[in-house]
Amino acid sequence: CRKVKLPIIGVVENMSGFVCPKCK
């Protein structure tokens, strides 16, 4: 992105932890 001068809005961290629906 920096080399082609494409602005970076930001980064999204996906699959960031898993909360168990039963024990939380």
mmCIF file of all heavy atoms, coordinates in Angstrom:
data_MODEL
# 
_entry.id   MODEL 
# 
loop_
_atom_site.group_PDB 
_atom_site.id 
_atom_site.type_symbol 
_atom_site.label_atom_id 
_atom_site.label_alt_id 
_atom_site.label_comp_id 
_atom_site.label_asym_id 
_atom_site.label_entity_id 
_atom_site.label_seq_id 
_atom_site.pdbx_PDB_ins_code 
_atom_site.Cartn_x 
_atom_site.Cartn_y 
_atom_site.Cartn_z 
_atom_site.occupancy 
_atom_site.B_iso_or_equiv 
_atom_site.pdbx_formal_charge 
_atom_site.auth_seq_id 
_atom_site.auth_comp_id 
_atom_site.auth_asym_id 
_atom_site.auth_atom_id 
_atom_site.pdbx_PDB_model_num 
ATOM 1   N N   . CYS A 1 1  ? 0.833   -1.209  0.000  1.00 0.00 ? 1  CYS A N   1 
ATOM 2   C CA  . CYS A 1 1  ? 0.000   0.000   0.000  1.00 0.00 ? 1  CYS A CA  1 
ATOM 3   C C   . CYS A 1 1  ? 0.865   1.255   0.000  1.00 0.00 ? 1  CYS A C   1 
ATOM 4   O O   . CYS A 1 1  ? 0.577   2.227   -0.712 1.00 0.00 ? 1  CYS A O   1 
ATOM 5   C CB  . CYS A 1 1  ? -0.927  0.019   1.224  1.00 0.00 ? 1  CYS A CB  1 
ATOM 6   S SG  . CYS A 1 1  ? -2.226  -1.231  1.162  1.00 0.00 ? 1  CYS A SG  1 
ATOM 7   N N   . ARG A 1 2  ? 1.920   1.234   0.798  1.00 0.00 ? 2  ARG A N   1 
ATOM 8   C CA  . ARG A 1 2  ? 2.795   2.418   0.880  1.00 0.00 ? 2  ARG A CA  1 
ATOM 9   C C   . ARG A 1 2  ? 3.551   2.636   -0.425 1.00 0.00 ? 2  ARG A C   1 
ATOM 10  O O   . ARG A 1 2  ? 3.731   3.774   -0.854 1.00 0.00 ? 2  ARG A O   1 
ATOM 11  C CB  . ARG A 1 2  ? 3.745   2.260   2.071  1.00 0.00 ? 2  ARG A CB  1 
ATOM 12  C CG  . ARG A 1 2  ? 2.985   2.454   3.393  1.00 0.00 ? 2  ARG A CG  1 
ATOM 13  C CD  . ARG A 1 2  ? 3.808   2.227   4.627  1.00 0.00 ? 2  ARG A CD  1 
ATOM 14  N NE  . ARG A 1 2  ? 3.023   2.630   5.816  1.00 0.00 ? 2  ARG A NE  1 
ATOM 15  C CZ  . ARG A 1 2  ? 3.299   2.257   7.046  1.00 0.00 ? 2  ARG A CZ  1 
ATOM 16  N NH1 . ARG A 1 2  ? 4.336   1.462   7.293  1.00 0.00 ? 2  ARG A NH1 1 
ATOM 17  N NH2 . ARG A 1 2  ? 2.542   2.665   8.053  1.00 0.00 ? 2  ARG A NH2 1 
ATOM 18  N N   . LYS A 1 3  ? 3.951   1.548   -1.075 1.00 0.00 ? 3  LYS A N   1 
ATOM 19  C CA  . LYS A 1 3  ? 4.696   1.686   -2.337 1.00 0.00 ? 3  LYS A CA  1 
ATOM 20  C C   . LYS A 1 3  ? 3.823   2.238   -3.455 1.00 0.00 ? 3  LYS A C   1 
ATOM 21  O O   . LYS A 1 3  ? 4.298   3.003   -4.295 1.00 0.00 ? 3  LYS A O   1 
ATOM 22  C CB  . LYS A 1 3  ? 5.289   0.329   -2.751 1.00 0.00 ? 3  LYS A CB  1 
ATOM 23  C CG  . LYS A 1 3  ? 6.551   0.002   -1.967 1.00 0.00 ? 3  LYS A CG  1 
ATOM 24  C CD  . LYS A 1 3  ? 7.236   -1.243  -2.478 1.00 0.00 ? 3  LYS A CD  1 
ATOM 25  C CE  . LYS A 1 3  ? 8.577   -1.408  -1.776 1.00 0.00 ? 3  LYS A CE  1 
ATOM 26  N NZ  . LYS A 1 3  ? 9.229   -2.690  -2.083 1.00 0.00 ? 3  LYS A NZ  1 
ATOM 27  N N   . VAL A 1 4  ? 2.540   1.825   -3.493 1.00 0.00 ? 4  VAL A N   1 
ATOM 28  C CA  . VAL A 1 4  ? 1.659   2.296   -4.572 1.00 0.00 ? 4  VAL A CA  1 
ATOM 29  C C   . VAL A 1 4  ? 0.842   3.526   -4.134 1.00 0.00 ? 4  VAL A C   1 
ATOM 30  O O   . VAL A 1 4  ? -0.068  3.946   -4.828 1.00 0.00 ? 4  VAL A O   1 
ATOM 31  C CB  . VAL A 1 4  ? 0.724   1.179   -5.089 1.00 0.00 ? 4  VAL A CB  1 
ATOM 32  C CG1 . VAL A 1 4  ? 1.524   0.025   -5.663 1.00 0.00 ? 4  VAL A CG1 1 
ATOM 33  C CG2 . VAL A 1 4  ? -0.236  0.696   -4.008 1.00 0.00 ? 4  VAL A CG2 1 
ATOM 34  N N   . LYS A 1 5  ? 1.212   4.083   -2.960 1.00 0.00 ? 5  LYS A N   1 
ATOM 35  C CA  . LYS A 1 5  ? 0.563   5.306   -2.427 1.00 0.00 ? 5  LYS A CA  1 
ATOM 36  C C   . LYS A 1 5  ? -0.954  5.130   -2.239 1.00 0.00 ? 5  LYS A C   1 
ATOM 37  O O   . LYS A 1 5  ? -1.744  6.002   -2.584 1.00 0.00 ? 5  LYS A O   1 
ATOM 38  C CB  . LYS A 1 5  ? 0.866   6.513   -3.319 1.00 0.00 ? 5  LYS A CB  1 
ATOM 39  C CG  . LYS A 1 5  ? 2.349   6.849   -3.351 1.00 0.00 ? 5  LYS A CG  1 
ATOM 40  C CD  . LYS A 1 5  ? 2.662   8.067   -4.188 1.00 0.00 ? 5  LYS A CD  1 
ATOM 41  C CE  . LYS A 1 5  ? 4.101   8.519   -4.016 1.00 0.00 ? 5  LYS A CE  1 
ATOM 42  N NZ  . LYS A 1 5  ? 5.117   7.482   -4.235 1.00 0.00 ? 5  LYS A NZ  1 
ATOM 43  N N   . LEU A 1 6  ? -1.320  3.953   -1.713 1.00 0.00 ? 6  LEU A N   1 
ATOM 44  C CA  . LEU A 1 6  ? -2.716  3.662   -1.398 1.00 0.00 ? 6  LEU A CA  1 
ATOM 45  C C   . LEU A 1 6  ? -2.917  3.915   0.094  1.00 0.00 ? 6  LEU A C   1 
ATOM 46  O O   . LEU A 1 6  ? -2.284  3.254   0.919  1.00 0.00 ? 6  LEU A O   1 
ATOM 47  C CB  . LEU A 1 6  ? -3.018  2.191   -1.747 1.00 0.00 ? 6  LEU A CB  1 
ATOM 48  C CG  . LEU A 1 6  ? -4.368  1.615   -1.348 1.00 0.00 ? 6  LEU A CG  1 
ATOM 49  C CD1 . LEU A 1 6  ? -5.501  2.393   -2.007 1.00 0.00 ? 6  LEU A CD1 1 
ATOM 50  C CD2 . LEU A 1 6  ? -4.457  0.144   -1.730 1.00 0.00 ? 6  LEU A CD2 1 
ATOM 51  N N   . PRO A 1 7  ? -3.755  4.894   0.472  1.00 0.00 ? 7  PRO A N   1 
ATOM 52  C CA  . PRO A 1 7  ? -3.946  5.173   1.904  1.00 0.00 ? 7  PRO A CA  1 
ATOM 53  C C   . PRO A 1 7  ? -4.483  3.942   2.640  1.00 0.00 ? 7  PRO A C   1 
ATOM 54  O O   . PRO A 1 7  ? -5.263  3.177   2.086  1.00 0.00 ? 7  PRO A O   1 
ATOM 55  C CB  . PRO A 1 7  ? -4.987  6.302   1.918  1.00 0.00 ? 7  PRO A CB  1 
ATOM 56  C CG  . PRO A 1 7  ? -4.993  6.857   0.534  1.00 0.00 ? 7  PRO A CG  1 
ATOM 57  C CD  . PRO A 1 7  ? -4.591  5.753   -0.384 1.00 0.00 ? 7  PRO A CD  1 
ATOM 58  N N   . ILE A 1 8  ? -4.032  3.756   3.878  1.00 0.00 ? 8  ILE A N   1 
ATOM 59  C CA  . ILE A 1 8  ? -4.499  2.625   4.693  1.00 0.00 ? 8  ILE A CA  1 
ATOM 60  C C   . ILE A 1 8  ? -5.488  3.170   5.724  1.00 0.00 ? 8  ILE A C   1 
ATOM 61  O O   . ILE A 1 8  ? -5.124  3.982   6.577  1.00 0.00 ? 8  ILE A O   1 
ATOM 62  C CB  . ILE A 1 8  ? -3.321  1.922   5.392  1.00 0.00 ? 8  ILE A CB  1 
ATOM 63  C CG1 . ILE A 1 8  ? -2.341  1.357   4.347  1.00 0.00 ? 8  ILE A CG1 1 
ATOM 64  C CG2 . ILE A 1 8  ? -3.830  0.803   6.309  1.00 0.00 ? 8  ILE A CG2 1 
ATOM 65  C CD1 . ILE A 1 8  ? -1.013  0.902   4.916  1.00 0.00 ? 8  ILE A CD1 1 
ATOM 66  N N   . ILE A 1 9  ? -6.752  2.747   5.611  1.00 0.00 ? 9  ILE A N   1 
ATOM 67  C CA  . ILE A 1 9  ? -7.763  3.172   6.587  1.00 0.00 ? 9  ILE A CA  1 
ATOM 68  C C   . ILE A 1 9  ? -7.459  2.513   7.930  1.00 0.00 ? 9  ILE A C   1 
ATOM 69  O O   . ILE A 1 9  ? -7.552  3.132   8.986  1.00 0.00 ? 9  ILE A O   1 
ATOM 70  C CB  . ILE A 1 9  ? -9.183  2.803   6.100  1.00 0.00 ? 9  ILE A CB  1 
ATOM 71  C CG1 . ILE A 1 9  ? -9.488  3.521   4.776  1.00 0.00 ? 9  ILE A CG1 1 
ATOM 72  C CG2 . ILE A 1 9  ? -10.230 3.146   7.152  1.00 0.00 ? 9  ILE A CG2 1 
ATOM 73  C CD1 . ILE A 1 9  ? -10.794 3.098   4.109  1.00 0.00 ? 9  ILE A CD1 1 
ATOM 74  N N   . GLY A 1 10 ? -7.074  1.231   7.893  1.00 0.00 ? 10 GLY A N   1 
ATOM 75  C CA  . GLY A 1 10 ? -6.716  0.538   9.120  1.00 0.00 ? 10 GLY A CA  1 
ATOM 76  C C   . GLY A 1 10 ? -6.768  -0.967  8.953  1.00 0.00 ? 10 GLY A C   1 
ATOM 77  O O   . GLY A 1 10 ? -7.060  -1.490  7.871  1.00 0.00 ? 10 GLY A O   1 
ATOM 78  N N   . VAL A 1 11 ? -6.468  -1.657  10.054 1.00 0.00 ? 11 VAL A N   1 
ATOM 79  C CA  . VAL A 1 11 ? -6.403  -3.121  10.079 1.00 0.00 ? 11 VAL A CA  1 
ATOM 80  C C   . VAL A 1 11 ? -7.537  -3.658  10.941 1.00 0.00 ? 11 VAL A C   1 
ATOM 81  O O   . VAL A 1 11 ? -7.861  -3.081  11.983 1.00 0.00 ? 11 VAL A O   1 
ATOM 82  C CB  . VAL A 1 11 ? -5.037  -3.591  10.640 1.00 0.00 ? 11 VAL A CB  1 
ATOM 83  C CG1 . VAL A 1 11 ? -5.003  -5.097  10.853 1.00 0.00 ? 11 VAL A CG1 1 
ATOM 84  C CG2 . VAL A 1 11 ? -3.899  -3.160  9.705  1.00 0.00 ? 11 VAL A CG2 1 
ATOM 85  N N   . VAL A 1 12 ? -8.143  -4.760  10.491 1.00 0.00 ? 12 VAL A N   1 
ATOM 86  C CA  . VAL A 1 12 ? -9.166  -5.457  11.285 1.00 0.00 ? 12 VAL A CA  1 
ATOM 87  C C   . VAL A 1 12 ? -8.599  -6.812  11.690 1.00 0.00 ? 12 VAL A C   1 
ATOM 88  O O   . VAL A 1 12 ? -8.124  -7.564  10.816 1.00 0.00 ? 12 VAL A O   1 
ATOM 89  C CB  . VAL A 1 12 ? -10.463 -5.662  10.467 1.00 0.00 ? 12 VAL A CB  1 
ATOM 90  C CG1 . VAL A 1 12 ? -11.451 -6.551  11.230 1.00 0.00 ? 12 VAL A CG1 1 
ATOM 91  C CG2 . VAL A 1 12 ? -11.104 -4.326  10.144 1.00 0.00 ? 12 VAL A CG2 1 
ATOM 92  N N   . GLU A 1 13 ? -8.612  -7.103  13.001 1.00 0.00 ? 13 GLU A N   1 
ATOM 93  C CA  . GLU A 1 13 ? -8.188  -8.429  13.455 1.00 0.00 ? 13 GLU A CA  1 
ATOM 94  C C   . GLU A 1 13 ? -9.427  -9.313  13.548 1.00 0.00 ? 13 GLU A C   1 
ATOM 95  O O   . GLU A 1 13 ? -10.282 -9.114  14.411 1.00 0.00 ? 13 GLU A O   1 
ATOM 96  C CB  . GLU A 1 13 ? -7.482  -8.347  14.810 1.00 0.00 ? 13 GLU A CB  1 
ATOM 97  C CG  . GLU A 1 13 ? -6.917  -9.702  15.235 1.00 0.00 ? 13 GLU A CG  1 
ATOM 98  C CD  . GLU A 1 13 ? -6.153  -9.641  16.543 1.00 0.00 ? 13 GLU A CD  1 
ATOM 99  O OE1 . GLU A 1 13 ? -6.773  -9.783  17.617 1.00 0.00 ? 13 GLU A OE1 1 
ATOM 100 O OE2 . GLU A 1 13 ? -4.921  -9.448  16.485 1.00 0.00 ? 13 GLU A OE2 1 
ATOM 101 N N   . ASN A 1 14 ? -9.515  -10.266 12.639 1.00 0.00 ? 14 ASN A N   1 
ATOM 102 C CA  . ASN A 1 14 ? -10.660 -11.168 12.574 1.00 0.00 ? 14 ASN A CA  1 
ATOM 103 C C   . ASN A 1 14 ? -10.363 -12.441 13.380 1.00 0.00 ? 14 ASN A C   1 
ATOM 104 O O   . ASN A 1 14 ? -9.201  -12.764 13.624 1.00 0.00 ? 14 ASN A O   1 
ATOM 105 C CB  . ASN A 1 14 ? -10.931 -11.523 11.104 1.00 0.00 ? 14 ASN A CB  1 
ATOM 106 C CG  . ASN A 1 14 ? -12.353 -11.946 10.855 1.00 0.00 ? 14 ASN A CG  1 
ATOM 107 O OD1 . ASN A 1 14 ? -13.223 -11.787 11.707 1.00 0.00 ? 14 ASN A OD1 1 
ATOM 108 N ND2 . ASN A 1 14 ? -12.605 -12.506 9.691  1.00 0.00 ? 14 ASN A ND2 1 
ATOM 109 N N   . MET A 1 15 ? -11.416 -13.165 13.784 1.00 0.00 ? 15 MET A N   1 
ATOM 110 C CA  . MET A 1 15 ? -11.261 -14.417 14.550 1.00 0.00 ? 15 MET A CA  1 
ATOM 111 C C   . MET A 1 15 ? -10.417 -14.193 15.800 1.00 0.00 ? 15 MET A C   1 
ATOM 112 O O   . MET A 1 15 ? -9.535  -14.980 16.142 1.00 0.00 ? 15 MET A O   1 
ATOM 113 C CB  . MET A 1 15 ? -10.656 -15.522 13.670 1.00 0.00 ? 15 MET A CB  1 
ATOM 114 C CG  . MET A 1 15 ? -11.392 -15.694 12.337 1.00 0.00 ? 15 MET A CG  1 
ATOM 115 S SD  . MET A 1 15 ? -10.711 -17.024 11.343 1.00 0.00 ? 15 MET A SD  1 
ATOM 116 C CE  . MET A 1 15 ? -11.233 -16.542 9.695  1.00 0.00 ? 15 MET A CE  1 
ATOM 117 N N   . SER A 1 16 ? -10.693 -13.089 16.457 1.00 0.00 ? 16 SER A N   1 
ATOM 118 C CA  . SER A 1 16 ? -9.897  -12.655 17.609 1.00 0.00 ? 16 SER A CA  1 
ATOM 119 C C   . SER A 1 16 ? -10.500 -13.206 18.898 1.00 0.00 ? 16 SER A C   1 
ATOM 120 O O   . SER A 1 16 ? -11.245 -12.530 19.589 1.00 0.00 ? 16 SER A O   1 
ATOM 121 C CB  . SER A 1 16 ? -9.890  -11.124 17.635 1.00 0.00 ? 16 SER A CB  1 
ATOM 122 O OG  . SER A 1 16 ? -9.165  -10.650 18.723 1.00 0.00 ? 16 SER A OG  1 
ATOM 123 N N   . GLY A 1 17 ? -10.168 -14.452 19.215 1.00 0.00 ? 17 GLY A N   1 
ATOM 124 C CA  . GLY A 1 17 ? -10.708 -15.069 20.433 1.00 0.00 ? 17 GLY A CA  1 
ATOM 125 C C   . GLY A 1 17 ? -12.092 -15.650 20.213 1.00 0.00 ? 17 GLY A C   1 
ATOM 126 O O   . GLY A 1 17 ? -12.822 -15.243 19.301 1.00 0.00 ? 17 GLY A O   1 
ATOM 127 N N   . PHE A 1 18 ? -12.460 -16.625 21.044 1.00 0.00 ? 18 PHE A N   1 
ATOM 128 C CA  . PHE A 1 18 ? -13.767 -17.286 20.949 1.00 0.00 ? 18 PHE A CA  1 
ATOM 129 C C   . PHE A 1 18 ? -14.358 -17.397 22.355 1.00 0.00 ? 18 PHE A C   1 
ATOM 130 O O   . PHE A 1 18 ? -13.724 -17.942 23.259 1.00 0.00 ? 18 PHE A O   1 
ATOM 131 C CB  . PHE A 1 18 ? -13.622 -18.682 20.332 1.00 0.00 ? 18 PHE A CB  1 
ATOM 132 C CG  . PHE A 1 18 ? -14.861 -19.528 20.437 1.00 0.00 ? 18 PHE A CG  1 
ATOM 133 C CD1 . PHE A 1 18 ? -15.985 -19.225 19.680 1.00 0.00 ? 18 PHE A CD1 1 
ATOM 134 C CD2 . PHE A 1 18 ? -14.916 -20.619 21.302 1.00 0.00 ? 18 PHE A CD2 1 
ATOM 135 C CE1 . PHE A 1 18 ? -17.136 -19.995 19.768 1.00 0.00 ? 18 PHE A CE1 1 
ATOM 136 C CE2 . PHE A 1 18 ? -16.066 -21.393 21.398 1.00 0.00 ? 18 PHE A CE2 1 
ATOM 137 C CZ  . PHE A 1 18 ? -17.177 -21.081 20.629 1.00 0.00 ? 18 PHE A CZ  1 
ATOM 138 N N   . VAL A 1 19 ? -15.542 -16.841 22.539 1.00 0.00 ? 19 VAL A N   1 
ATOM 139 C CA  . VAL A 1 19 ? -16.217 -16.927 23.834 1.00 0.00 ? 19 VAL A CA  1 
ATOM 140 C C   . VAL A 1 19 ? -17.193 -18.098 23.788 1.00 0.00 ? 19 VAL A C   1 
ATOM 141 O O   . VAL A 1 19 ? -18.102 -18.125 22.956 1.00 0.00 ? 19 VAL A O   1 
ATOM 142 C CB  . VAL A 1 19 ? -16.956 -15.608 24.168 1.00 0.00 ? 19 VAL A CB  1 
ATOM 143 C CG1 . VAL A 1 19 ? -17.678 -15.729 25.503 1.00 0.00 ? 19 VAL A CG1 1 
ATOM 144 C CG2 . VAL A 1 19 ? -15.976 -14.442 24.200 1.00 0.00 ? 19 VAL A CG2 1 
ATOM 145 N N   . CYS A 1 20 ? -16.989 -19.072 24.691 1.00 0.00 ? 20 CYS A N   1 
ATOM 146 C CA  . CYS A 1 20 ? -17.859 -20.249 24.727 1.00 0.00 ? 20 CYS A CA  1 
ATOM 147 C C   . CYS A 1 20 ? -19.274 -19.820 25.116 1.00 0.00 ? 20 CYS A C   1 
ATOM 148 O O   . CYS A 1 20 ? -19.465 -19.136 26.123 1.00 0.00 ? 20 CYS A O   1 
ATOM 149 C CB  . CYS A 1 20 ? -17.329 -21.246 25.755 1.00 0.00 ? 20 CYS A CB  1 
ATOM 150 S SG  . CYS A 1 20 ? -18.459 -22.629 26.021 1.00 0.00 ? 20 CYS A SG  1 
ATOM 151 N N   . PRO A 1 21 ? -20.289 -20.194 24.313 1.00 0.00 ? 21 PRO A N   1 
ATOM 152 C CA  . PRO A 1 21 ? -21.657 -19.758 24.614 1.00 0.00 ? 21 PRO A CA  1 
ATOM 153 C C   . PRO A 1 21 ? -22.200 -20.348 25.924 1.00 0.00 ? 21 PRO A C   1 
ATOM 154 O O   . PRO A 1 21 ? -23.128 -19.805 26.512 1.00 0.00 ? 21 PRO A O   1 
ATOM 155 C CB  . PRO A 1 21 ? -22.467 -20.247 23.410 1.00 0.00 ? 21 PRO A CB  1 
ATOM 156 C CG  . PRO A 1 21 ? -21.622 -21.281 22.751 1.00 0.00 ? 21 PRO A CG  1 
ATOM 157 C CD  . PRO A 1 21 ? -20.202 -20.965 23.078 1.00 0.00 ? 21 PRO A CD  1 
ATOM 158 N N   . LYS A 1 22 ? -21.596 -21.461 26.403 1.00 0.00 ? 22 LYS A N   1 
ATOM 159 C CA  . LYS A 1 22 ? -22.090 -22.093 27.630 1.00 0.00 ? 22 LYS A CA  1 
ATOM 160 C C   . LYS A 1 22 ? -21.368 -21.577 28.873 1.00 0.00 ? 22 LYS A C   1 
ATOM 161 O O   . LYS A 1 22 ? -21.986 -21.071 29.800 1.00 0.00 ? 22 LYS A O   1 
ATOM 162 C CB  . LYS A 1 22 ? -21.955 -23.616 27.524 1.00 0.00 ? 22 LYS A CB  1 
ATOM 163 C CG  . LYS A 1 22 ? -22.967 -24.209 26.529 1.00 0.00 ? 22 LYS A CG  1 
ATOM 164 C CD  . LYS A 1 22 ? -22.942 -25.711 26.514 1.00 0.00 ? 22 LYS A CD  1 
ATOM 165 C CE  . LYS A 1 22 ? -23.993 -26.234 25.524 1.00 0.00 ? 22 LYS A CE  1 
ATOM 166 N NZ  . LYS A 1 22 ? -23.855 -27.675 25.329 1.00 0.00 ? 22 LYS A NZ  1 
ATOM 167 N N   . CYS A 1 23 ? -20.023 -21.714 28.876 1.00 0.00 ? 23 CYS A N   1 
ATOM 168 C CA  . CYS A 1 23 ? -19.296 -21.341 30.097 1.00 0.00 ? 23 CYS A CA  1 
ATOM 169 C C   . CYS A 1 23 ? -18.793 -19.897 30.083 1.00 0.00 ? 23 CYS A C   1 
ATOM 170 O O   . CYS A 1 23 ? -18.302 -19.399 31.086 1.00 0.00 ? 23 CYS A O   1 
ATOM 171 C CB  . CYS A 1 23 ? -18.122 -22.296 30.329 1.00 0.00 ? 23 CYS A CB  1 
ATOM 172 S SG  . CYS A 1 23 ? -16.807 -22.115 29.103 1.00 0.00 ? 23 CYS A SG  1 
ATOM 173 N N   . LYS A 1 24 ? -18.891 -19.230 28.914 1.00 0.00 ? 24 LYS A N   1 
ATOM 174 C CA  . LYS A 1 24 ? -18.501 -17.814 28.750 1.00 0.00 ? 24 LYS A CA  1 
ATOM 175 C C   . LYS A 1 24 ? -16.994 -17.581 28.873 1.00 0.00 ? 24 LYS A C   1 
ATOM 176 O O   . LYS A 1 24 ? -16.553 -16.437 28.911 1.00 0.00 ? 24 LYS A O   1 
ATOM 177 C CB  . LYS A 1 24 ? -19.230 -16.877 29.750 1.00 0.00 ? 24 LYS A CB  1 
ATOM 178 C CG  . LYS A 1 24 ? -20.747 -16.965 29.695 1.00 0.00 ? 24 LYS A CG  1 
ATOM 179 C CD  . LYS A 1 24 ? -21.300 -16.578 28.349 1.00 0.00 ? 24 LYS A CD  1 
ATOM 180 C CE  . LYS A 1 24 ? -22.800 -16.735 28.253 1.00 0.00 ? 24 LYS A CE  1 
ATOM 181 N NZ  . LYS A 1 24 ? -23.307 -16.599 26.884 1.00 0.00 ? 24 LYS A NZ  1 
# 
